[in-house]
């Protein structure tokens, strides 16, 4: 298991991006962690998916950022092209 990033949400929570291997497949886990008893523990709130899907997720996140930066109406139901 390799922690790629820890994103502090303030207080006792953080989002972690973790890569891990299971049955010779690489997976990405993006999950909310909480602090308790001087350590962090994962919650059930998160995503786990094959690392092969990361390029598509990156394209979708880039599209979301472009939409926000352009000040577009996010209530519009049109799908943004990635």
PDB file of N, CA and C in Angstrom:
ATOM      1  N   UNK A   1       0.852  -1.177   0.000  1.00  0.00           N
ATOM      2  CA  UNK A   1       0.000   0.000   0.000  1.00  0.00           C
ATOM      3  C   UNK A   1       0.897   1.239   0.000  1.00  0.00           C
ATOM      4  N   UNK A   2       0.547   2.215  -0.846  1.00  0.00           N
ATOM      5  CA  UNK A   2       1.315   3.462  -0.912  1.00  0.00           C
ATOM      6  C   UNK A   2       0.369   4.652  -0.856  1.00  0.00           C
ATOM      7  N   UNK A   3       0.558   5.492   0.153  1.00  0.00           N
ATOM      8  CA  UNK A   3      -0.237   6.712   0.273  1.00  0.00           C
ATOM      9  C   UNK A   3       0.339   7.734  -0.703  1.00  0.00           C
ATOM     10  N   UNK A   4      -0.496   8.180  -1.624  1.00  0.00           N
ATOM     11  CA  UNK A   4      -0.084   9.151  -2.634  1.00  0.00           C
ATOM     12  C   UNK A   4      -0.309  10.573  -2.138  1.00  0.00           C
ATOM     13  N   UNK A   5      -1.437  10.804  -1.454  1.00  0.00           N
ATOM     14  CA  UNK A   5      -1.742  12.157  -0.973  1.00  0.00           C
ATOM     15  C   UNK A   5      -2.630  12.095   0.258  1.00  0.00           C
ATOM     16  N   UNK A   6      -2.440  13.089   1.105  1.00  0.00           N
ATOM     17  CA  UNK A   6      -3.322  13.335   2.247  1.00  0.00           C
ATOM     18  C   UNK A   6      -3.828  14.756   2.105  1.00  0.00           C
ATOM     19  N   UNK A   7      -5.139  14.922   2.046  1.00  0.00           N
ATOM     20  CA  UNK A   7      -5.740  16.240   1.881  1.00  0.00           C
ATOM     21  C   UNK A   7      -6.493  16.557   3.169  1.00  0.00           C
ATOM     22  N   UNK A   8      -5.989  17.534   3.904  1.00  0.00           N
ATOM     23  CA  UNK A   8      -6.569  17.898   5.196  1.00  0.00           C
ATOM     24  C   UNK A   8      -7.901  18.594   4.996  1.00  0.00           C
ATOM     25  N   UNK A   9      -8.934  18.086   5.655  1.00  0.00           N
ATOM     26  CA  UNK A   9     -10.250  18.730   5.600  1.00  0.00           C
ATOM     27  C   UNK A   9     -10.459  19.635   6.812  1.00  0.00           C
ATOM     28  N   UNK A  10      -9.490  19.719   7.660  1.00  0.00           N
ATOM     29  CA  UNK A  10      -9.620  20.502   8.883  1.00  0.00           C
ATOM     30  C   UNK A  10     -10.123  19.608  10.000  1.00  0.00           C
ATOM     31  N   UNK A  11      -9.782  19.964  11.194  1.00  0.00           N
ATOM     32  CA  UNK A  11     -10.228  19.156  12.331  1.00  0.00           C
ATOM     33  C   UNK A  11      -9.588  17.786  12.331  1.00  0.00           C
ATOM     34  N   UNK A  12     -10.422  16.770  12.393  1.00  0.00           N
ATOM     35  CA  UNK A  12      -9.917  15.405  12.547  1.00  0.00           C
ATOM     36  C   UNK A  12     -10.171  14.544  11.302  1.00  0.00           C
ATOM     37  N   UNK A  13     -10.369  15.184  10.134  1.00  0.00           N
ATOM     38  CA  UNK A  13     -10.648  14.424   8.920  1.00  0.00           C
ATOM     39  C   UNK A  13      -9.656  14.756   7.816  1.00  0.00           C
ATOM     40  N   UNK A  14      -9.394  13.762   6.986  1.00  0.00           N
ATOM     41  CA  UNK A  14      -8.583  13.970   5.799  1.00  0.00           C
ATOM     42  C   UNK A  14      -9.023  12.994   4.711  1.00  0.00           C
ATOM     43  N   UNK A  15      -8.801  13.401   3.480  1.00  0.00           N
ATOM     44  CA  UNK A  15      -9.040  12.524   2.342  1.00  0.00           C
ATOM     45  C   UNK A  15      -7.686  11.946   1.962  1.00  0.00           C
ATOM     46  N   UNK A  16      -7.631  10.642   1.771  1.00  0.00           N
ATOM     47  CA  UNK A  16      -6.386  10.004   1.350  1.00  0.00           C
ATOM     48  C   UNK A  16      -6.566   9.346  -0.010  1.00  0.00           C
ATOM     49  N   UNK A  17      -5.543   9.503  -0.828  1.00  0.00           N
ATOM     50  CA  UNK A  17      -5.462   8.801  -2.099  1.00  0.00           C
ATOM     51  C   UNK A  17      -4.385   7.738  -1.919  1.00  0.00           C
ATOM     52  N   UNK A  18      -4.789   6.479  -2.085  1.00  0.00           N
ATOM     53  CA  UNK A  18      -3.897   5.350  -1.810  1.00  0.00           C
ATOM     54  C   UNK A  18      -3.904   4.396  -2.998  1.00  0.00           C
ATOM     55  N   UNK A  19      -2.723   3.898  -3.357  1.00  0.00           N
ATOM     56  CA  UNK A  19      -2.620   2.828  -4.340  1.00  0.00           C
ATOM     57  C   UNK A  19      -2.288   1.545  -3.601  1.00  0.00           C
ATOM     58  N   UNK A  20      -2.936   0.456  -3.989  1.00  0.00           N
ATOM     59  CA  UNK A  20      -2.611  -0.826  -3.382  1.00  0.00           C
ATOM     60  C   UNK A  20      -2.799  -1.931  -4.408  1.00  0.00           C
ATOM     61  N   UNK A  21      -2.175  -3.042  -4.129  1.00  0.00           N
ATOM     62  CA  UNK A  21      -2.230  -4.170  -5.050  1.00  0.00           C
ATOM     63  C   UNK A  21      -3.002  -5.312  -4.398  1.00  0.00           C
ATOM     64  N   UNK A  22      -3.842  -5.951  -5.188  1.00  0.00           N
ATOM     65  CA  UNK A  22      -4.596  -7.107  -4.715  1.00  0.00           C
ATOM     66  C   UNK A  22      -4.766  -8.057  -5.887  1.00  0.00           C
ATOM     67  N   UNK A  23      -4.360  -9.279  -5.696  1.00  0.00           N
ATOM     68  CA  UNK A  23      -4.426 -10.303  -6.746  1.00  0.00           C
ATOM     69  C   UNK A  23      -3.792  -9.827  -8.056  1.00  0.00           C
ATOM     70  N   UNK A  24      -2.611  -9.244  -7.902  1.00  0.00           N
ATOM     71  CA  UNK A  24      -1.810  -8.774  -9.029  1.00  0.00           C
ATOM     72  C   UNK A  24      -2.468  -7.661  -9.844  1.00  0.00           C
ATOM     73  N   UNK A  25      -3.432  -6.964  -9.259  1.00  0.00           N
ATOM     74  CA  UNK A  25      -4.081  -5.806  -9.879  1.00  0.00           C
ATOM     75  C   UNK A  25      -3.805  -4.588  -9.000  1.00  0.00           C
ATOM     76  N   UNK A  26      -3.606  -3.436  -9.628  1.00  0.00           N
ATOM     77  CA  UNK A  26      -3.394  -2.193  -8.882  1.00  0.00           C
ATOM     78  C   UNK A  26      -4.726  -1.454  -8.792  1.00  0.00           C
ATOM     79  N   UNK A  27      -5.047  -1.014  -7.583  1.00  0.00           N
ATOM     80  CA  UNK A  27      -6.285  -0.290  -7.318  1.00  0.00           C
ATOM     81  C   UNK A  27      -5.971   1.073  -6.716  1.00  0.00           C
ATOM     82  N   UNK A  28      -6.879   2.012  -6.948  1.00  0.00           N
ATOM     83  CA  UNK A  28      -6.800   3.337  -6.344  1.00  0.00           C
ATOM     84  C   UNK A  28      -7.950   3.462  -5.350  1.00  0.00           C
ATOM     85  N   UNK A  29      -7.639   3.969  -4.183  1.00  0.00           N
ATOM     86  CA  UNK A  29      -8.640   4.167  -3.144  1.00  0.00           C
ATOM     87  C   UNK A  29      -8.624   5.638  -2.766  1.00  0.00           C
ATOM     88  N   UNK A  30      -9.755   6.305  -2.915  1.00  0.00           N
ATOM     89  CA  UNK A  30      -9.912   7.700  -2.496  1.00  0.00           C
ATOM     90  C   UNK A  30     -10.967   7.683  -1.399  1.00  0.00           C
ATOM     91  N   UNK A  31     -10.525   7.941  -0.176  1.00  0.00           N
ATOM     92  CA  UNK A  31     -11.399   7.678   0.965  1.00  0.00           C
ATOM     93  C   UNK A  31     -11.229   8.739   2.048  1.00  0.00           C
ATOM     94  N   UNK A  32     -12.301   8.968   2.793  1.00  0.00           N
ATOM     95  CA  UNK A  32     -12.279   9.840   3.964  1.00  0.00           C
ATOM     96  C   UNK A  32     -11.731   9.049   5.151  1.00  0.00           C
ATOM     97  N   UNK A  33     -10.785   9.644   5.852  1.00  0.00           N
ATOM     98  CA  UNK A  33     -10.213   9.055   7.063  1.00  0.00           C
ATOM     99  C   UNK A  33     -10.502   9.987   8.234  1.00  0.00           C
ATOM    100  N   UNK A  34     -10.609   9.428   9.435  1.00  0.00           N
ATOM    101  CA  UNK A  34     -10.857  10.238  10.629  1.00  0.00           C
ATOM    102  C   UNK A  34      -9.820   9.898  11.695  1.00  0.00           C
ATOM    103  N   UNK A  35      -9.552  10.867  12.556  1.00  0.00           N
ATOM    104  CA  UNK A  35      -8.556  10.689  13.610  1.00  0.00           C
ATOM    105  C   UNK A  35      -9.243  10.254  14.894  1.00  0.00           C
ATOM    106  N   UNK A  36      -8.684   9.218  15.496  1.00  0.00           N
ATOM    107  CA  UNK A  36      -9.195   8.719  16.778  1.00  0.00           C
ATOM    108  C   UNK A  36      -8.062   7.973  17.471  1.00  0.00           C
ATOM    109  N   UNK A  37      -7.935   8.187  18.761  1.00  0.00           N
ATOM    110  CA  UNK A  37      -6.916   7.503  19.564  1.00  0.00           C
ATOM    111  C   UNK A  37      -5.523   7.676  18.968  1.00  0.00           C
ATOM    112  N   UNK A  38      -5.165   8.928  18.613  1.00  0.00           N
ATOM    113  CA  UNK A  38      -3.841   9.262  18.077  1.00  0.00           C
ATOM    114  C   UNK A  38      -3.486   8.555  16.776  1.00  0.00           C
ATOM    115  N   UNK A  39      -4.486   8.181  15.980  1.00  0.00           N
ATOM    116  CA  UNK A  39      -4.238   7.568  14.677  1.00  0.00           C
ATOM    117  C   UNK A  39      -5.393   7.828  13.738  1.00  0.00           C
ATOM    118  N   UNK A  40      -5.145   7.627  12.450  1.00  0.00           N
ATOM    119  CA  UNK A  40      -6.196   7.811  11.458  1.00  0.00           C
ATOM    120  C   UNK A  40      -6.743   6.464  11.024  1.00  0.00           C
ATOM    121  N   UNK A  41      -8.052   6.442  10.777  1.00  0.00           N
ATOM    122  CA  UNK A  41      -8.753   5.216  10.397  1.00  0.00           C
ATOM    123  C   UNK A  41      -9.651   5.498   9.197  1.00  0.00           C
ATOM    124  N   UNK A  42      -9.778   4.532   8.266  1.00  0.00           N
ATOM    125  CA  UNK A  42     -10.622   4.759   7.091  1.00  0.00           C
ATOM    126  C   UNK A  42     -12.098   4.657   7.430  1.00  0.00           C
ATOM    127  N   UNK A  43     -12.905   5.396   6.671  1.00  0.00           N
ATOM    128  CA  UNK A  43     -14.356   5.283   6.791  1.00  0.00           C
ATOM    129  C   UNK A  43     -14.878   4.490   5.595  1.00  0.00           C
ATOM    130  N   UNK A  44     -16.158   4.269   5.558  1.00  0.00           N
ATOM    131  CA  UNK A  44     -16.770   3.610   4.404  1.00  0.00           C
ATOM    132  C   UNK A  44     -17.057   4.611   3.290  1.00  0.00           C
ATOM    133  N   UNK A  45     -16.819   5.892   3.550  1.00  0.00           N
ATOM    134  CA  UNK A  45     -17.080   6.940   2.559  1.00  0.00           C
ATOM    135  C   UNK A  45     -15.883   7.060   1.625  1.00  0.00           C
ATOM    136  N   UNK A  46     -16.032   6.523   0.424  1.00  0.00           N
ATOM    137  CA  UNK A  46     -14.943   6.621  -0.525  1.00  0.00           C
ATOM    138  C   UNK A  46     -15.168   5.752  -1.738  1.00  0.00           C
ATOM    139  N   UNK A  47     -14.165   5.734  -2.597  1.00  0.00           N
ATOM    140  CA  UNK A  47     -14.197   4.964  -3.836  1.00  0.00           C
ATOM    141  C   UNK A  47     -12.970   4.079  -3.922  1.00  0.00           C
ATOM    142  N   UNK A  48     -13.158   2.890  -4.459  1.00  0.00           N
ATOM    143  CA  UNK A  48     -12.036   2.013  -4.786  1.00  0.00           C
ATOM    144  C   UNK A  48     -12.287   1.507  -6.200  1.00  0.00           C
ATOM    145  N   UNK A  49     -11.285   1.645  -7.056  1.00  0.00           N
ATOM    146  CA  UNK A  49     -11.459   1.245  -8.447  1.00  0.00           C
ATOM    147  C   UNK A  49     -10.115   0.855  -9.035  1.00  0.00           C
ATOM    148  N   UNK A  50     -10.173   0.155 -10.160  1.00  0.00           N
ATOM    149  CA  UNK A  50      -8.968  -0.262 -10.859  1.00  0.00           C
ATOM    150  C   UNK A  50      -8.178   0.962 -11.295  1.00  0.00           C
ATOM    151  N   UNK A  51      -6.866   0.905 -11.142  1.00  0.00           N
ATOM    152  CA  UNK A  51      -6.015   2.027 -11.532  1.00  0.00           C
ATOM    153  C   UNK A  51      -6.116   2.307 -13.031  1.00  0.00           C
ATOM    154  N   UNK A  52      -6.578   1.356 -13.799  1.00  0.00           N
ATOM    155  CA  UNK A  52      -6.764   1.563 -15.237  1.00  0.00           C
ATOM    156  C   UNK A  52      -7.772   2.674 -15.521  1.00  0.00           C
ATOM    157  N   UNK A  53      -8.649   2.958 -14.575  1.00  0.00           N
ATOM    158  CA  UNK A  53      -9.673   3.993 -14.754  1.00  0.00           C
ATOM    159  C   UNK A  53      -9.177   5.396 -14.394  1.00  0.00           C
ATOM    160  N   UNK A  54      -7.964   5.510 -13.862  1.00  0.00           N
ATOM    161  CA  UNK A  54      -7.446   6.814 -13.437  1.00  0.00           C
ATOM    162  C   UNK A  54      -7.395   7.857 -14.546  1.00  0.00           C
ATOM    163  N   UNK A  55      -6.969   7.534 -15.775  1.00  0.00           N
ATOM    164  CA  UNK A  55      -6.965   8.568 -16.817  1.00  0.00           C
ATOM    165  C   UNK A  55      -8.361   9.142 -17.080  1.00  0.00           C
ATOM    166  N   UNK A  56      -9.380   8.311 -17.082  1.00  0.00           N
ATOM    167  CA  UNK A  56     -10.747   8.802 -17.271  1.00  0.00           C
ATOM    168  C   UNK A  56     -11.192   9.674 -16.116  1.00  0.00           C
ATOM    169  N   UNK A  57     -10.829   9.285 -14.895  1.00  0.00           N
ATOM    170  CA  UNK A  57     -11.176  10.095 -13.724  1.00  0.00           C
ATOM    171  C   UNK A  57     -10.454  11.443 -13.777  1.00  0.00           C
ATOM    172  N   UNK A  58      -9.180  11.416 -14.173  1.00  0.00           N
ATOM    173  CA  UNK A  58      -8.434  12.672 -14.297  1.00  0.00           C
ATOM    174  C   UNK A  58      -9.099  13.596 -15.314  1.00  0.00           C
ATOM    175  N   UNK A  59      -9.522  13.058 -16.454  1.00  0.00           N
ATOM    176  CA  UNK A  59     -10.192  13.866 -17.475  1.00  0.00           C
ATOM    177  C   UNK A  59     -11.493  14.457 -16.930  1.00  0.00           C
ATOM    178  N   UNK A  60     -12.229  13.665 -16.151  1.00  0.00           N
ATOM    179  CA  UNK A  60     -13.492  14.146 -15.580  1.00  0.00           C
ATOM    180  C   UNK A  60     -13.240  15.252 -14.557  1.00  0.00           C
ATOM    181  N   UNK A  61     -12.212  15.102 -13.735  1.00  0.00           N
ATOM    182  CA  UNK A  61     -11.881  16.130 -12.742  1.00  0.00           C
ATOM    183  C   UNK A  61     -11.415  17.399 -13.445  1.00  0.00           C
ATOM    184  N   UNK A  62     -10.604  17.253 -14.497  1.00  0.00           N
ATOM    185  CA  UNK A  62     -10.175  18.425 -15.268  1.00  0.00           C
ATOM    186  C   UNK A  62     -11.378  19.150 -15.863  1.00  0.00           C
ATOM    187  N   UNK A  63     -12.351  18.397 -16.368  1.00  0.00           N
ATOM    188  CA  UNK A  63     -13.562  19.001 -16.936  1.00  0.00           C
ATOM    189  C   UNK A  63     -14.351  19.736 -15.858  1.00  0.00           C
ATOM    190  N   UNK A  64     -14.415  19.172 -14.669  1.00  0.00           N
ATOM    191  CA  UNK A  64     -15.120  19.832 -13.562  1.00  0.00           C
ATOM    192  C   UNK A  64     -14.427  21.136 -13.197  1.00  0.00           C
ATOM    193  N   UNK A  65     -13.110  21.125 -13.152  1.00  0.00           N
ATOM    194  CA  UNK A  65     -12.355  22.337 -12.835  1.00  0.00           C
ATOM    195  C   UNK A  65     -12.577  23.400 -13.911  1.00  0.00           C
ATOM    196  N   UNK A  66     -12.517  23.008 -15.182  1.00  0.00           N
ATOM    197  CA  UNK A  66     -12.752  23.965 -16.269  1.00  0.00           C
ATOM    198  C   UNK A  66     -14.150  24.577 -16.172  1.00  0.00           C
ATOM    199  N   UNK A  67     -15.142  23.749 -15.838  1.00  0.00           N
ATOM    200  CA  UNK A  67     -16.519  24.227 -15.719  1.00  0.00           C
ATOM    201  C   UNK A  67     -16.635  25.263 -14.606  1.00  0.00           C
ATOM    202  N   UNK A  68     -16.040  24.976 -13.465  1.00  0.00           N
ATOM    203  CA  UNK A  68     -16.085  25.908 -12.331  1.00  0.00           C
ATOM    204  C   UNK A  68     -15.334  27.192 -12.657  1.00  0.00           C
ATOM    205  N   UNK A  69     -14.128  27.064 -13.233  1.00  0.00           N
ATOM    206  CA  UNK A  69     -13.331  28.246 -13.556  1.00  0.00           C
ATOM    207  C   UNK A  69     -14.005  29.119 -14.608  1.00  0.00           C
ATOM    208  N   UNK A  70     -14.783  28.509 -15.503  1.00  0.00           N
ATOM    209  CA  UNK A  70     -15.483  29.267 -16.540  1.00  0.00           C
ATOM    210  C   UNK A  70     -16.749  29.929 -15.992  1.00  0.00           C
ATOM    211  N   UNK A  71     -17.098  29.604 -14.758  1.00  0.00           N
ATOM    212  CA  UNK A  71     -18.288  30.178 -14.144  1.00  0.00           C
ATOM    213  C   UNK A  71     -19.581  29.683 -14.770  1.00  0.00           C
ATOM    214  N   UNK A  72     -19.526  28.482 -15.349  1.00  0.00           N
ATOM    215  CA  UNK A  72     -20.706  27.928 -15.996  1.00  0.00           C
ATOM    216  C   UNK A  72     -21.752  27.532 -14.963  1.00  0.00           C
ATOM    217  N   UNK A  73     -22.991  27.521 -15.393  1.00  0.00           N
ATOM    218  CA  UNK A  73     -24.107  27.124 -14.545  1.00  0.00           C
ATOM    219  C   UNK A  73     -23.997  25.627 -14.242  1.00  0.00           C
ATOM    220  N   UNK A  74     -23.794  25.276 -13.003  1.00  0.00           N
ATOM    221  CA  UNK A  74     -23.656  23.859 -12.666  1.00  0.00           C
ATOM    222  C   UNK A  74     -24.997  23.155 -12.525  1.00  0.00           C
ATOM    223  N   UNK A  75     -26.072  23.928 -12.608  1.00  0.00           N
ATOM    224  CA  UNK A  75     -27.406  23.338 -12.582  1.00  0.00           C
ATOM    225  C   UNK A  75     -27.837  22.816 -13.942  1.00  0.00           C
ATOM    226  N   UNK A  76     -27.031  23.102 -14.959  1.00  0.00           N
ATOM    227  CA  UNK A  76     -27.312  22.652 -16.326  1.00  0.00           C
ATOM    228  C   UNK A  76     -27.074  21.149 -16.396  1.00  0.00           C
ATOM    229  N   UNK A  77     -28.005  20.413 -16.951  1.00  0.00           N
ATOM    230  CA  UNK A  77     -27.897  18.955 -16.958  1.00  0.00           C
ATOM    231  C   UNK A  77     -27.058  18.412 -18.121  1.00  0.00           C
ATOM    232  N   UNK A  78     -26.498  19.302 -18.954  1.00  0.00           N
ATOM    233  CA  UNK A  78     -25.652  18.829 -20.058  1.00  0.00           C
ATOM    234  C   UNK A  78     -24.390  18.178 -19.515  1.00  0.00           C
ATOM    235  N   UNK A  79     -23.978  17.115 -20.171  1.00  0.00           N
ATOM    236  CA  UNK A  79     -22.736  16.454 -19.797  1.00  0.00           C
ATOM    237  C   UNK A  79     -21.573  17.226 -20.395  1.00  0.00           C
ATOM    238  N   UNK A  80     -20.550  17.460 -19.589  1.00  0.00           N
ATOM    239  CA  UNK A  80     -19.354  18.166 -20.057  1.00  0.00           C
ATOM    240  C   UNK A  80     -18.451  17.174 -20.762  1.00  0.00           C
ATOM    241  N   UNK A  81     -17.951  17.552 -21.927  1.00  0.00           N
ATOM    242  CA  UNK A  81     -17.053  16.661 -22.667  1.00  0.00           C
ATOM    243  C   UNK A  81     -15.700  16.595 -21.990  1.00  0.00           C
ATOM    244  N   UNK A  82     -15.180  15.376 -21.869  1.00  0.00           N
ATOM    245  CA  UNK A  82     -13.850  15.193 -21.285  1.00  0.00           C
ATOM    246  C   UNK A  82     -12.896  14.971 -22.409  1.00  0.00           C
TER     247      UNK A  82
END
